[in-house]
Protein backbone atom coordinates (compact mmCIF):
# COMPACT_ATOMS: atom_id res chain seq x y z
CA UNK A 1 -136.76 -3.66 -86.27
CA UNK A 2 -136.60 -7.04 -87.95
CA UNK A 3 -135.35 -8.50 -84.68
CA UNK A 4 -138.37 -7.20 -82.77
CA UNK A 5 -140.83 -8.39 -85.44
CA UNK A 6 -139.23 -11.83 -85.40
CA UNK A 7 -139.44 -12.02 -81.62
CA UNK A 8 -143.10 -10.99 -81.56
CA UNK A 9 -144.05 -13.35 -84.40
CA UNK A 10 -142.01 -16.28 -83.11
CA UNK A 11 -139.97 -16.44 -86.31
CA UNK A 12 -136.31 -16.25 -87.20
CA UNK A 13 -135.13 -12.80 -88.26
CA UNK A 14 -134.19 -14.16 -91.70
CA UNK A 15 -137.76 -15.42 -92.20
CA UNK A 16 -139.12 -11.95 -91.42
CA UNK A 17 -136.71 -10.36 -93.91
CA UNK A 18 -137.70 -12.84 -96.63
CA UNK A 19 -141.43 -12.31 -96.04
CA UNK A 20 -141.08 -8.54 -96.21
CA UNK A 21 -138.96 -8.81 -99.34
CA UNK A 22 -141.57 -11.05 -101.02
CA UNK A 23 -144.38 -8.71 -99.97
CA UNK A 24 -142.51 -5.74 -101.48
CA UNK A 25 -142.04 -7.66 -104.74
CA UNK A 26 -145.74 -8.54 -104.88
CA UNK A 27 -146.76 -4.93 -104.20
CA UNK A 28 -144.36 -3.64 -106.86
CA UNK A 29 -145.86 -6.04 -109.44
CA UNK A 30 -149.40 -5.00 -108.55
CA UNK A 31 -148.52 -1.31 -108.75
CA UNK A 32 -146.93 -1.80 -112.16
CA UNK A 33 -150.31 -3.06 -113.41
CA UNK A 34 -151.99 0.12 -112.15
CA UNK A 35 -149.26 2.67 -112.93
CA UNK A 36 -146.96 1.20 -115.61
CA UNK A 37 -143.56 2.86 -115.56
CA UNK A 38 -144.25 4.79 -112.37
CA UNK A 39 -144.25 2.05 -109.74
CA UNK A 40 -141.85 2.53 -106.83
CA UNK A 41 -138.43 1.22 -107.70
CA UNK A 42 -138.69 2.18 -111.37
CA UNK A 43 -136.42 4.91 -112.67
CA UNK A 44 -139.04 6.17 -115.12
């Protein structure tokens, strides 16, 4: 859970959520370069 990750990392839960969100955005962008139109989160 986010709460457990935050506790183990010594961060606030909100900081963990933001970091994971940013990491997902970065991964999505990188995947779009490799598989245009088929990256996770795309409808096509």
